[in-house]
Amino acid sequence: HIWLDNVNLDGEFAGVSETDANWGVHVFPNPTTGSITVSWNKTMVPDQIDVINMMGQTISTLSCEAGSNQLQLNLSNEASGVYLLKLVKNGQTKLVRIAKQ
């Protein structure tokens, strides 16, 4: 069992991408077969992005360069399933669901 408290999971898997207007986060393609692009507006560059599996384990932590507005994430070696991208900026957290086929 996985218990998440005070977590907001936004978006649907039906489309090609997931966008969050407040953070300016855009994740595509979603679902993915391996490579995924995460982009954001330059005013909300995340301090870090964690990739979390459904067991609650952080499988990867990525740092974002100041002034950057996107990064590529490779999930090719990960099992099919649902993952969370945890974006952290100035103590604020945004969770985005991604599906790996």
N, C-alpha and C. Protein backbone atom coordinates (compact mmCIF):
# COMPACT_ATOMS: atom_id res chain seq x y z
N HIS A 1 0.84 -1.18 0.00
CA HIS A 1 0.00 0.00 0.00
C HIS A 1 0.88 1.24 0.00
N ILE A 2 0.40 2.26 -0.68
CA ILE A 2 1.09 3.54 -0.70
C ILE A 2 0.14 4.58 -0.14
N TRP A 3 0.60 5.32 0.86
CA TRP A 3 -0.20 6.37 1.46
C TRP A 3 0.47 7.70 1.19
N LEU A 4 -0.24 8.59 0.55
CA LEU A 4 0.26 9.92 0.28
C LEU A 4 -0.63 10.90 1.01
N ASP A 5 -0.02 11.85 1.71
CA ASP A 5 -0.78 12.83 2.47
C ASP A 5 -0.47 14.22 1.94
N ASN A 6 -1.50 15.04 1.79
CA ASN A 6 -1.34 16.40 1.31
C ASN A 6 -0.63 16.47 -0.04
N VAL A 7 -1.03 15.59 -0.95
CA VAL A 7 -0.44 15.54 -2.27
C VAL A 7 -1.51 15.86 -3.29
N ASN A 8 -1.18 16.72 -4.24
CA ASN A 8 -2.09 17.07 -5.31
C ASN A 8 -1.55 16.48 -6.60
N LEU A 9 -2.26 15.52 -7.17
CA LEU A 9 -1.87 14.92 -8.44
C LEU A 9 -2.75 15.49 -9.52
N ASP A 10 -2.13 16.21 -10.44
CA ASP A 10 -2.88 16.87 -11.51
C ASP A 10 -2.75 16.11 -12.82
N GLY A 11 -3.65 16.39 -13.75
CA GLY A 11 -3.49 15.93 -15.12
C GLY A 11 -4.13 14.60 -15.41
N GLU A 12 -4.19 14.31 -16.67
CA GLU A 12 -4.74 13.06 -17.16
C GLU A 12 -3.72 12.43 -18.09
N PHE A 13 -3.80 11.13 -18.28
CA PHE A 13 -2.90 10.44 -19.19
C PHE A 13 -3.45 10.39 -20.61
N ALA A 14 -4.66 10.89 -20.81
CA ALA A 14 -5.30 10.76 -22.12
C ALA A 14 -4.60 11.57 -23.20
N GLY A 15 -3.99 12.70 -22.82
CA GLY A 15 -3.37 13.57 -23.81
C GLY A 15 -1.91 13.23 -24.06
N VAL A 16 -1.29 14.03 -24.89
CA VAL A 16 0.10 13.84 -25.22
C VAL A 16 1.00 14.51 -24.20
N SER A 17 0.48 15.50 -23.50
CA SER A 17 1.32 16.24 -22.57
C SER A 17 0.53 16.59 -21.32
N GLU A 18 1.28 17.04 -20.33
CA GLU A 18 0.67 17.53 -19.11
C GLU A 18 1.27 18.89 -18.83
N THR A 19 0.42 19.87 -18.58
CA THR A 19 0.89 21.23 -18.36
C THR A 19 0.30 21.75 -17.07
N ASP A 20 1.09 22.53 -16.32
CA ASP A 20 0.60 23.19 -15.13
C ASP A 20 0.83 24.68 -15.30
N ALA A 21 -0.24 25.45 -15.37
CA ALA A 21 -0.14 26.88 -15.68
C ALA A 21 0.58 27.65 -14.57
N ASN A 22 0.39 27.29 -13.30
CA ASN A 22 1.02 28.03 -12.21
C ASN A 22 2.54 27.91 -12.25
N TRP A 23 3.03 26.73 -12.48
CA TRP A 23 4.47 26.50 -12.51
C TRP A 23 5.02 26.64 -13.92
N GLY A 24 4.15 26.62 -14.90
CA GLY A 24 4.61 26.65 -16.28
C GLY A 24 5.31 25.36 -16.69
N VAL A 25 4.94 24.26 -16.03
CA VAL A 25 5.58 22.97 -16.29
C VAL A 25 4.85 22.27 -17.43
N HIS A 26 5.64 21.73 -18.35
CA HIS A 26 5.09 21.00 -19.49
C HIS A 26 5.89 19.70 -19.60
N VAL A 27 5.20 18.56 -19.58
CA VAL A 27 5.85 17.25 -19.63
C VAL A 27 5.31 16.51 -20.86
N PHE A 28 6.24 16.07 -21.73
CA PHE A 28 5.79 15.39 -22.94
C PHE A 28 6.89 14.47 -23.46
N PRO A 29 6.57 13.41 -24.18
CA PRO A 29 5.21 12.86 -24.30
C PRO A 29 4.82 12.12 -23.02
N ASN A 30 3.58 12.12 -22.73
CA ASN A 30 3.07 11.45 -21.53
C ASN A 30 1.74 10.80 -21.89
N PRO A 31 1.72 9.47 -22.03
CA PRO A 31 2.72 8.49 -21.60
C PRO A 31 3.94 8.46 -22.53
N THR A 32 5.02 7.84 -22.03
CA THR A 32 6.27 7.75 -22.76
C THR A 32 6.72 6.30 -22.87
N THR A 33 7.57 6.04 -23.85
CA THR A 33 8.20 4.72 -23.95
C THR A 33 9.64 4.78 -23.47
N GLY A 34 10.12 5.97 -23.12
CA GLY A 34 11.50 6.09 -22.64
C GLY A 34 11.91 7.51 -22.35
N SER A 35 12.10 8.31 -23.39
CA SER A 35 12.60 9.67 -23.22
C SER A 35 11.43 10.62 -23.01
N ILE A 36 11.61 11.55 -22.07
CA ILE A 36 10.57 12.53 -21.77
C ILE A 36 11.23 13.89 -21.62
N THR A 37 10.54 14.93 -22.05
CA THR A 37 11.03 16.30 -21.91
C THR A 37 10.22 16.98 -20.83
N VAL A 38 10.91 17.65 -19.91
CA VAL A 38 10.27 18.45 -18.88
C VAL A 38 10.70 19.89 -19.13
N SER A 39 9.73 20.78 -19.36
CA SER A 39 10.07 22.18 -19.57
C SER A 39 9.28 23.04 -18.60
N TRP A 40 9.75 24.26 -18.39
CA TRP A 40 9.13 25.18 -17.45
C TRP A 40 9.43 26.59 -17.91
N ASN A 41 8.67 27.56 -17.36
CA ASN A 41 9.00 28.95 -17.70
C ASN A 41 10.23 29.35 -16.89
N LYS A 42 10.99 30.27 -17.41
CA LYS A 42 12.29 30.61 -16.81
C LYS A 42 12.20 31.24 -15.43
N THR A 43 11.02 31.69 -15.03
CA THR A 43 10.87 32.25 -13.69
C THR A 43 10.66 31.16 -12.63
N MET A 44 10.39 29.94 -13.07
CA MET A 44 10.13 28.84 -12.13
C MET A 44 11.11 27.69 -12.33
N VAL A 45 12.39 27.98 -12.54
CA VAL A 45 13.38 26.92 -12.71
C VAL A 45 13.45 26.11 -11.42
N PRO A 46 13.14 24.82 -11.48
CA PRO A 46 13.17 24.01 -10.25
C PRO A 46 14.60 23.92 -9.70
N ASP A 47 14.71 23.87 -8.37
CA ASP A 47 16.00 23.64 -7.73
C ASP A 47 16.46 22.22 -8.02
N GLN A 48 15.50 21.30 -8.01
CA GLN A 48 15.80 19.92 -8.33
C GLN A 48 14.53 19.21 -8.77
N ILE A 49 14.72 18.09 -9.46
CA ILE A 49 13.61 17.24 -9.87
C ILE A 49 13.95 15.82 -9.44
N ASP A 50 13.07 15.22 -8.64
CA ASP A 50 13.21 13.83 -8.23
C ASP A 50 12.25 12.98 -9.05
N VAL A 51 12.71 11.80 -9.44
CA VAL A 51 11.85 10.82 -10.11
C VAL A 51 11.56 9.74 -9.07
N ILE A 52 10.28 9.53 -8.79
CA ILE A 52 9.85 8.63 -7.71
C ILE A 52 8.98 7.52 -8.29
N ASN A 53 9.30 6.28 -7.94
CA ASN A 53 8.46 5.17 -8.40
C ASN A 53 7.27 4.99 -7.45
N MET A 54 6.36 4.10 -7.78
CA MET A 54 5.16 3.92 -6.97
C MET A 54 5.41 3.20 -5.65
N MET A 55 6.64 2.78 -5.42
CA MET A 55 7.01 2.23 -4.11
C MET A 55 7.48 3.35 -3.19
N GLY A 56 7.50 4.59 -3.72
CA GLY A 56 7.93 5.74 -2.95
C GLY A 56 9.44 5.93 -2.94
N GLN A 57 10.15 5.18 -3.78
CA GLN A 57 11.60 5.27 -3.83
C GLN A 57 12.02 6.32 -4.86
N THR A 58 12.96 7.16 -4.47
CA THR A 58 13.54 8.11 -5.41
C THR A 58 14.55 7.36 -6.26
N ILE A 59 14.29 7.29 -7.56
CA ILE A 59 15.18 6.53 -8.44
C ILE A 59 16.18 7.43 -9.16
N SER A 60 15.93 8.73 -9.14
CA SER A 60 16.84 9.68 -9.77
C SER A 60 16.59 11.07 -9.22
N THR A 61 17.66 11.85 -9.06
CA THR A 61 17.56 13.24 -8.66
C THR A 61 18.35 14.06 -9.67
N LEU A 62 17.69 15.05 -10.23
CA LEU A 62 18.31 15.88 -11.27
C LEU A 62 18.38 17.32 -10.80
N SER A 63 19.46 18.00 -11.12
CA SER A 63 19.60 19.42 -10.84
C SER A 63 19.34 20.19 -12.12
N CYS A 64 18.77 21.36 -11.99
CA CYS A 64 18.46 22.19 -13.14
C CYS A 64 19.39 23.39 -13.14
N GLU A 65 19.93 23.71 -14.31
CA GLU A 65 20.82 24.85 -14.44
C GLU A 65 20.03 26.15 -14.42
N ALA A 66 20.57 27.18 -13.75
CA ALA A 66 19.94 28.49 -13.75
C ALA A 66 19.84 28.99 -15.18
N GLY A 67 18.69 29.55 -15.53
CA GLY A 67 18.47 30.06 -16.87
C GLY A 67 18.00 29.02 -17.86
N SER A 68 18.03 27.76 -17.47
CA SER A 68 17.55 26.72 -18.37
C SER A 68 16.03 26.69 -18.35
N ASN A 69 15.43 26.11 -19.39
CA ASN A 69 13.97 26.00 -19.37
C ASN A 69 13.49 24.60 -19.72
N GLN A 70 14.41 23.61 -19.81
CA GLN A 70 13.98 22.24 -20.02
C GLN A 70 15.11 21.27 -19.75
N LEU A 71 14.72 20.00 -19.59
CA LEU A 71 15.70 18.92 -19.51
C LEU A 71 15.08 17.67 -20.09
N GLN A 72 15.95 16.75 -20.50
CA GLN A 72 15.53 15.46 -21.03
C GLN A 72 15.71 14.43 -19.93
N LEU A 73 14.74 13.56 -19.79
CA LEU A 73 14.77 12.51 -18.79
C LEU A 73 14.62 11.18 -19.52
N ASN A 74 15.52 10.25 -19.24
CA ASN A 74 15.49 8.95 -19.91
C ASN A 74 14.99 7.88 -18.94
N LEU A 75 13.83 7.32 -19.24
CA LEU A 75 13.25 6.25 -18.42
C LEU A 75 13.33 4.90 -19.12
N SER A 76 14.15 4.81 -20.16
CA SER A 76 14.23 3.58 -20.96
C SER A 76 14.55 2.34 -20.14
N ASN A 77 15.37 2.48 -19.11
CA ASN A 77 15.79 1.34 -18.30
C ASN A 77 14.87 1.06 -17.12
N GLU A 78 13.80 1.84 -17.00
CA GLU A 78 12.86 1.66 -15.89
C GLU A 78 11.68 0.78 -16.33
N ALA A 79 11.09 0.12 -15.38
CA ALA A 79 9.93 -0.74 -15.64
C ALA A 79 8.72 0.11 -16.07
N SER A 80 7.83 -0.50 -16.81
CA SER A 80 6.58 0.16 -17.17
C SER A 80 5.79 0.44 -15.90
N GLY A 81 5.08 1.56 -15.89
CA GLY A 81 4.28 1.92 -14.73
C GLY A 81 4.15 3.42 -14.59
N VAL A 82 3.65 3.83 -13.44
CA VAL A 82 3.44 5.25 -13.15
C VAL A 82 4.57 5.75 -12.26
N TYR A 83 5.07 6.91 -12.58
CA TYR A 83 6.12 7.56 -11.81
C TYR A 83 5.68 8.97 -11.46
N LEU A 84 6.29 9.53 -10.45
CA LEU A 84 6.04 10.92 -10.09
C LEU A 84 7.30 11.72 -10.34
N LEU A 85 7.14 12.89 -10.92
CA LEU A 85 8.21 13.86 -10.96
C LEU A 85 7.93 14.84 -9.84
N LYS A 86 8.88 14.99 -8.94
CA LYS A 86 8.74 15.92 -7.82
C LYS A 86 9.64 17.11 -8.11
N LEU A 87 9.03 18.23 -8.44
CA LEU A 87 9.76 19.45 -8.72
C LEU A 87 9.78 20.30 -7.46
N VAL A 88 10.95 20.77 -7.08
CA VAL A 88 11.09 21.56 -5.86
C VAL A 88 11.68 22.92 -6.24
N LYS A 89 11.03 23.99 -5.77
CA LYS A 89 11.49 25.36 -6.01
C LYS A 89 11.21 26.19 -4.77
N ASN A 90 12.27 26.68 -4.13
CA ASN A 90 12.14 27.54 -2.94
C ASN A 90 11.21 26.94 -1.88
N GLY A 91 11.34 25.64 -1.64
CA GLY A 91 10.54 24.98 -0.62
C GLY A 91 9.15 24.56 -1.09
N GLN A 92 8.73 24.98 -2.28
CA GLN A 92 7.44 24.56 -2.82
C GLN A 92 7.66 23.29 -3.62
N THR A 93 6.65 22.43 -3.62
CA THR A 93 6.74 21.16 -4.32
C THR A 93 5.58 21.01 -5.28
N LYS A 94 5.88 20.53 -6.46
CA LYS A 94 4.87 20.21 -7.47
C LYS A 94 5.10 18.76 -7.89
N LEU A 95 4.05 17.93 -7.85
CA LEU A 95 4.13 16.56 -8.31
C LEU A 95 3.41 16.42 -9.64
N VAL A 96 4.07 15.73 -10.57
CA VAL A 96 3.50 15.48 -11.89
C VAL A 96 3.57 13.98 -12.15
N ARG A 97 2.45 13.39 -12.52
CA ARG A 97 2.41 11.96 -12.87
C ARG A 97 2.91 11.76 -14.28
N ILE A 98 3.69 10.72 -14.47
CA ILE A 98 4.07 10.31 -15.81
C ILE A 98 3.88 8.79 -15.91
N ALA A 99 3.54 8.35 -17.09
CA ALA A 99 3.33 6.93 -17.32
C ALA A 99 4.41 6.42 -18.27
N LYS A 100 5.06 5.35 -17.89
CA LYS A 100 6.07 4.68 -18.72
C LYS A 100 5.44 3.44 -19.28
N GLN A 101 5.41 3.32 -20.60
CA GLN A 101 4.81 2.14 -21.24
C GLN A 101 5.86 1.08 -21.48
